[in-house]
C-alpha atoms as a PDB file:
ATOM      1  CA  UNK A   1      20.758  42.930  29.555  1.00  0.00           C
ATOM      2  CA  UNK A   2      18.956  43.209  32.853  1.00  0.00           C
ATOM      3  CA  UNK A   3      19.315  40.250  35.246  1.00  0.00           C
ATOM      4  CA  UNK A   4      16.191  38.157  35.634  1.00  0.00           C
ATOM      5  CA  UNK A   5      14.321  38.076  38.952  1.00  0.00           C
ATOM      6  CA  UNK A   6      15.946  34.797  40.029  1.00  0.00           C
ATOM      7  CA  UNK A   7      19.473  36.120  39.456  1.00  0.00           C
ATOM      8  CA  UNK A   8      18.746  39.186  41.611  1.00  0.00           C
ATOM      9  CA  UNK A   9      17.897  37.120  44.699  1.00  0.00           C
ATOM     10  CA  UNK A  10      21.474  36.849  45.880  1.00  0.00           C
ATOM     11  CA  UNK A  11      23.321  33.989  44.306  1.00  0.00           C
ATOM     12  CA  UNK A  12      20.585  31.467  43.620  1.00  0.00           C
ATOM     13  CA  UNK A  13      21.312  28.918  40.934  1.00  0.00           C
ATOM     14  CA  UNK A  14      19.205  29.385  37.834  1.00  0.00           C
ATOM     15  CA  UNK A  15      19.137  29.201  34.064  1.00  0.00           C
ATOM     16  CA  UNK A  16      17.218  31.821  32.102  1.00  0.00           C
ATOM     17  CA  UNK A  17      16.427  31.583  28.382  1.00  0.00           C
ATOM     18  CA  UNK A  18      17.568  34.727  26.563  1.00  0.00           C
ATOM     19  CA  UNK A  19      16.872  33.661  22.963  1.00  0.00           C
ATOM     20  CA  UNK A  20      16.052  30.334  21.316  1.00  0.00           C
ATOM     21  CA  UNK A  21      19.765  29.476  21.272  1.00  0.00           C
ATOM     22  CA  UNK A  22      21.182  31.319  24.317  1.00  0.00           C
ATOM     23  CA  UNK A  23      20.815  30.784  28.069  1.00  0.00           C
ATOM     24  CA  UNK A  24      22.065  32.852  31.010  1.00  0.00           C
ATOM     25  CA  UNK A  25      23.450  30.458  33.625  1.00  0.00           C
ATOM     26  CA  UNK A  26      23.935  31.638  37.203  1.00  0.00           C
ATOM     27  CA  UNK A  27      25.588  29.303  39.713  1.00  0.00           C
ATOM     28  CA  UNK A  28      26.293  30.066  43.356  1.00  0.00           C
ATOM     29  CA  UNK A  29      29.730  31.601  43.786  1.00  0.00           C
ATOM     30  CA  UNK A  30      30.290  32.173  40.057  1.00  0.00           C
ATOM     31  CA  UNK A  31      29.876  35.041  37.625  1.00  0.00           C
ATOM     32  CA  UNK A  32      26.779  34.821  35.382  1.00  0.00           C
ATOM     33  CA  UNK A  33      27.646  33.058  32.126  1.00  0.00           C
ATOM     34  CA  UNK A  34      25.953  33.022  28.737  1.00  0.00           C
ATOM     35  CA  UNK A  35      25.799  29.660  26.941  1.00  0.00           C
ATOM     36  CA  UNK A  36      25.237  29.905  23.182  1.00  0.00           C
ATOM     37  CA  UNK A  37      24.319  26.856  21.098  1.00  0.00           C
ATOM     38  CA  UNK A  38      25.744  27.258  17.581  1.00  0.00           C
ATOM     39  CA  UNK A  39      24.209  25.689  14.455  1.00  0.00           C
ATOM     40  CA  UNK A  40      27.136  23.272  14.183  1.00  0.00           C
ATOM     41  CA  UNK A  41      26.329  21.906  17.659  1.00  0.00           C
ATOM     42  CA  UNK A  42      29.173  23.675  19.458  1.00  0.00           C
ATOM     43  CA  UNK A  43      28.366  25.386  22.769  1.00  0.00           C
ATOM     44  CA  UNK A  44      30.205  28.631  23.498  1.00  0.00           C
ATOM     45  CA  UNK A  45      30.535  29.814  27.092  1.00  0.00           C
ATOM     46  CA  UNK A  46      30.968  33.581  27.505  1.00  0.00           C
ATOM     47  CA  UNK A  47      31.108  35.470  30.830  1.00  0.00           C
ATOM     48  CA  UNK A  48      28.185  37.912  30.924  1.00  0.00           C
ATOM     49  CA  UNK A  49      30.545  40.822  31.735  1.00  0.00           C
ATOM     50  CA  UNK A  50      32.506  40.150  28.515  1.00  0.00           C
ATOM     51  CA  UNK A  51      29.368  40.718  26.436  1.00  0.00           C
ATOM     52  CA  UNK A  52      29.047  44.252  27.790  1.00  0.00           C
ATOM     53  CA  UNK A  53      32.742  44.985  27.118  1.00  0.00           C
ATOM     54  CA  UNK A  54      32.400  43.871  23.485  1.00  0.00           C
ATOM     55  CA  UNK A  55      29.176  45.835  22.971  1.00  0.00           C
ATOM     56  CA  UNK A  56      30.764  49.162  23.948  1.00  0.00           C
END
């Protein structure tokens, strides 16, 4: 996944929709995080770096 233009601007806070049930959340001073809304209503929070580790 390539970071969106807002995330590349050096630590700005932003939320970027990835799919209809996933959002990339970037907060100042924190690693980018993916929030996934599950069908049962649960929200999973996964560090973006962990997604790349699992995909390899």
